[in-house]
Amino acid sequence: MRGWAWAYAPARERVKREPEQLRAQAYRRGLWKCGTAEPVPPHVWRDFNKKIRRLYWGGCTW
């Protein structure tokens, strides 16, 4: 439950690791550490430039 992965399974109706992701969100771990309302999905994050990434990062120290 470190929160460094998305629970994602496109071919399945129910994602196997979803409960672990929800726990990581509740405990603010990994991707949800800095309290952003919604983490940015990886496919969107890759398209951001440095300036936009800093806005989403919010000065969070890892």
N, C-alpha and C. Protein backbone atom coordinates (compact mmCIF):
# COMPACT_ATOMS: atom_id res chain seq x y z
N MET A 1 0.83 -1.20 0.00
CA MET A 1 0.00 0.00 0.00
C MET A 1 0.87 1.25 0.00
N ARG A 2 1.80 1.29 -0.89
CA ARG A 2 2.65 2.48 -0.99
C ARG A 2 2.04 3.56 -1.87
N GLY A 3 1.10 3.18 -2.72
CA GLY A 3 0.38 4.17 -3.52
C GLY A 3 1.10 4.66 -4.74
N TRP A 4 2.06 3.91 -5.27
CA TRP A 4 2.81 4.37 -6.42
C TRP A 4 2.33 3.77 -7.74
N ALA A 5 1.18 3.15 -7.74
CA ALA A 5 0.65 2.58 -8.99
C ALA A 5 -0.85 2.82 -9.05
N TRP A 6 -1.35 2.89 -10.25
CA TRP A 6 -2.78 3.02 -10.48
C TRP A 6 -3.39 1.63 -10.59
N ALA A 7 -4.54 1.44 -10.02
CA ALA A 7 -5.28 0.19 -10.20
C ALA A 7 -5.98 0.29 -11.55
N TYR A 8 -5.47 -0.43 -12.52
CA TYR A 8 -5.95 -0.28 -13.89
C TYR A 8 -5.95 -1.63 -14.60
N ALA A 9 -7.06 -2.00 -15.12
CA ALA A 9 -7.18 -3.23 -15.91
C ALA A 9 -8.24 -2.99 -16.97
N PRO A 10 -7.85 -2.52 -18.15
CA PRO A 10 -8.83 -2.12 -19.17
C PRO A 10 -9.76 -3.22 -19.65
N ALA A 11 -9.32 -4.45 -19.60
CA ALA A 11 -10.15 -5.53 -20.14
C ALA A 11 -11.06 -6.16 -19.09
N ARG A 12 -11.02 -5.66 -17.87
CA ARG A 12 -11.82 -6.26 -16.80
C ARG A 12 -12.85 -5.29 -16.27
N GLU A 13 -13.94 -5.83 -15.80
CA GLU A 13 -14.99 -5.01 -15.21
C GLU A 13 -14.57 -4.51 -13.83
N ARG A 14 -13.92 -5.37 -13.06
CA ARG A 14 -13.49 -5.01 -11.71
C ARG A 14 -11.97 -5.12 -11.63
N VAL A 15 -11.35 -4.10 -11.09
CA VAL A 15 -9.89 -4.05 -10.99
C VAL A 15 -9.45 -4.77 -9.72
N LYS A 16 -8.52 -5.69 -9.86
CA LYS A 16 -8.07 -6.53 -8.75
C LYS A 16 -7.44 -5.71 -7.61
N ARG A 17 -6.68 -4.71 -7.91
CA ARG A 17 -5.94 -3.94 -6.90
C ARG A 17 -6.67 -2.68 -6.44
N GLU A 18 -7.92 -2.52 -6.82
CA GLU A 18 -8.67 -1.33 -6.46
C GLU A 18 -8.73 -1.08 -4.95
N PRO A 19 -8.97 -2.10 -4.11
CA PRO A 19 -9.00 -1.83 -2.66
C PRO A 19 -7.68 -1.28 -2.13
N GLU A 20 -6.56 -1.72 -2.68
CA GLU A 20 -5.27 -1.20 -2.25
C GLU A 20 -5.10 0.26 -2.66
N GLN A 21 -5.57 0.60 -3.84
CA GLN A 21 -5.49 1.99 -4.28
C GLN A 21 -6.35 2.87 -3.38
N LEU A 22 -7.54 2.42 -3.05
CA LEU A 22 -8.42 3.21 -2.18
C LEU A 22 -7.81 3.41 -0.80
N ARG A 23 -7.13 2.39 -0.28
CA ARG A 23 -6.46 2.53 1.01
C ARG A 23 -5.32 3.54 0.93
N ALA A 24 -4.55 3.48 -0.14
CA ALA A 24 -3.45 4.43 -0.33
C ALA A 24 -3.98 5.86 -0.41
N GLN A 25 -5.12 6.04 -1.07
CA GLN A 25 -5.73 7.37 -1.15
C GLN A 25 -6.18 7.83 0.24
N ALA A 26 -6.78 6.95 1.00
CA ALA A 26 -7.27 7.30 2.34
C ALA A 26 -6.13 7.70 3.27
N TYR A 27 -4.99 7.02 3.14
CA TYR A 27 -3.84 7.30 4.01
C TYR A 27 -2.86 8.29 3.40
N ARG A 28 -3.23 8.85 2.22
CA ARG A 28 -2.42 9.86 1.54
C ARG A 28 -0.99 9.38 1.33
N ARG A 29 -0.88 8.25 0.63
CA ARG A 29 0.43 7.67 0.35
C ARG A 29 0.71 7.72 -1.14
N GLY A 30 1.96 7.77 -1.50
CA GLY A 30 2.36 7.71 -2.90
C GLY A 30 1.81 8.84 -3.74
N LEU A 31 1.06 8.50 -4.76
CA LEU A 31 0.50 9.50 -5.68
C LEU A 31 -0.43 10.48 -4.99
N TRP A 32 -0.99 10.10 -3.85
CA TRP A 32 -1.97 10.92 -3.16
C TRP A 32 -1.38 11.60 -1.94
N LYS A 33 -0.06 11.62 -1.82
CA LYS A 33 0.62 12.18 -0.66
C LYS A 33 0.34 13.67 -0.48
N CYS A 34 0.35 14.40 -1.54
CA CYS A 34 0.31 15.85 -1.44
C CYS A 34 -1.09 16.43 -1.36
N GLY A 35 -2.08 15.59 -1.32
CA GLY A 35 -3.44 16.06 -1.12
C GLY A 35 -4.12 16.65 -2.34
N THR A 36 -3.62 16.37 -3.51
CA THR A 36 -4.33 16.86 -4.69
C THR A 36 -5.68 16.15 -4.77
N ALA A 37 -6.66 16.86 -5.22
CA ALA A 37 -8.01 16.28 -5.29
C ALA A 37 -8.02 15.05 -6.18
N GLU A 38 -7.41 15.14 -7.31
CA GLU A 38 -7.34 14.02 -8.25
C GLU A 38 -5.94 13.97 -8.85
N PRO A 39 -5.22 12.89 -8.67
CA PRO A 39 -3.91 12.80 -9.34
C PRO A 39 -4.09 12.80 -10.85
N VAL A 40 -3.09 13.27 -11.52
CA VAL A 40 -3.14 13.34 -12.97
C VAL A 40 -2.75 11.98 -13.54
N PRO A 41 -3.58 11.42 -14.40
CA PRO A 41 -3.25 10.12 -15.00
C PRO A 41 -1.92 10.20 -15.77
N PRO A 42 -1.16 9.10 -15.78
CA PRO A 42 0.15 9.12 -16.44
C PRO A 42 0.12 9.57 -17.89
N HIS A 43 -0.89 9.16 -18.65
CA HIS A 43 -0.93 9.55 -20.07
C HIS A 43 -1.13 11.05 -20.24
N VAL A 44 -1.73 11.71 -19.27
CA VAL A 44 -1.90 13.17 -19.32
C VAL A 44 -0.62 13.85 -18.83
N TRP A 45 -0.05 13.35 -17.73
CA TRP A 45 1.16 13.91 -17.13
C TRP A 45 2.31 13.98 -18.14
N ARG A 46 2.45 12.95 -18.95
CA ARG A 46 3.54 12.91 -19.92
C ARG A 46 3.45 14.05 -20.93
N ASP A 47 2.26 14.55 -21.18
CA ASP A 47 2.09 15.65 -22.15
C ASP A 47 2.31 17.03 -21.54
N PHE A 48 2.41 17.12 -20.22
CA PHE A 48 2.60 18.42 -19.57
C PHE A 48 4.04 18.90 -19.73
N ASN A 49 4.19 20.23 -19.83
CA ASN A 49 5.53 20.79 -19.82
C ASN A 49 5.93 21.07 -18.36
N LYS A 50 7.16 21.54 -18.12
CA LYS A 50 7.65 21.75 -16.75
C LYS A 50 6.79 22.72 -15.96
N LYS A 51 6.35 23.78 -16.59
CA LYS A 51 5.57 24.80 -15.89
C LYS A 51 4.24 24.23 -15.39
N ILE A 52 3.56 23.48 -16.22
CA ILE A 52 2.28 22.89 -15.83
C ILE A 52 2.50 21.83 -14.75
N ARG A 53 3.56 21.05 -14.88
CA ARG A 53 3.85 20.03 -13.86
C ARG A 53 4.05 20.67 -12.49
N ARG A 54 4.74 21.79 -12.43
CA ARG A 54 4.95 22.47 -11.15
C ARG A 54 3.63 22.90 -10.52
N LEU A 55 2.69 23.32 -11.33
CA LEU A 55 1.38 23.71 -10.80
C LEU A 55 0.67 22.53 -10.15
N TYR A 56 0.74 21.38 -10.78
CA TYR A 56 0.10 20.19 -10.23
C TYR A 56 0.87 19.62 -9.06
N TRP A 57 2.20 19.78 -9.10
CA TRP A 57 3.03 19.25 -8.04
C TRP A 57 2.75 19.98 -6.74
N GLY A 58 2.48 21.28 -6.83
CA GLY A 58 2.12 22.07 -5.64
C GLY A 58 3.23 22.20 -4.62
N GLY A 59 4.49 22.06 -5.03
CA GLY A 59 5.60 22.20 -4.10
C GLY A 59 5.75 21.02 -3.16
N CYS A 60 5.19 19.91 -3.49
CA CYS A 60 5.27 18.73 -2.64
C CYS A 60 6.71 18.21 -2.60
N THR A 61 7.17 17.87 -1.41
CA THR A 61 8.49 17.25 -1.29
C THR A 61 8.31 15.75 -1.18
N TRP A 62 9.02 15.02 -1.93
CA TRP A 62 8.90 13.58 -1.92
C TRP A 62 9.97 13.02 -1.05
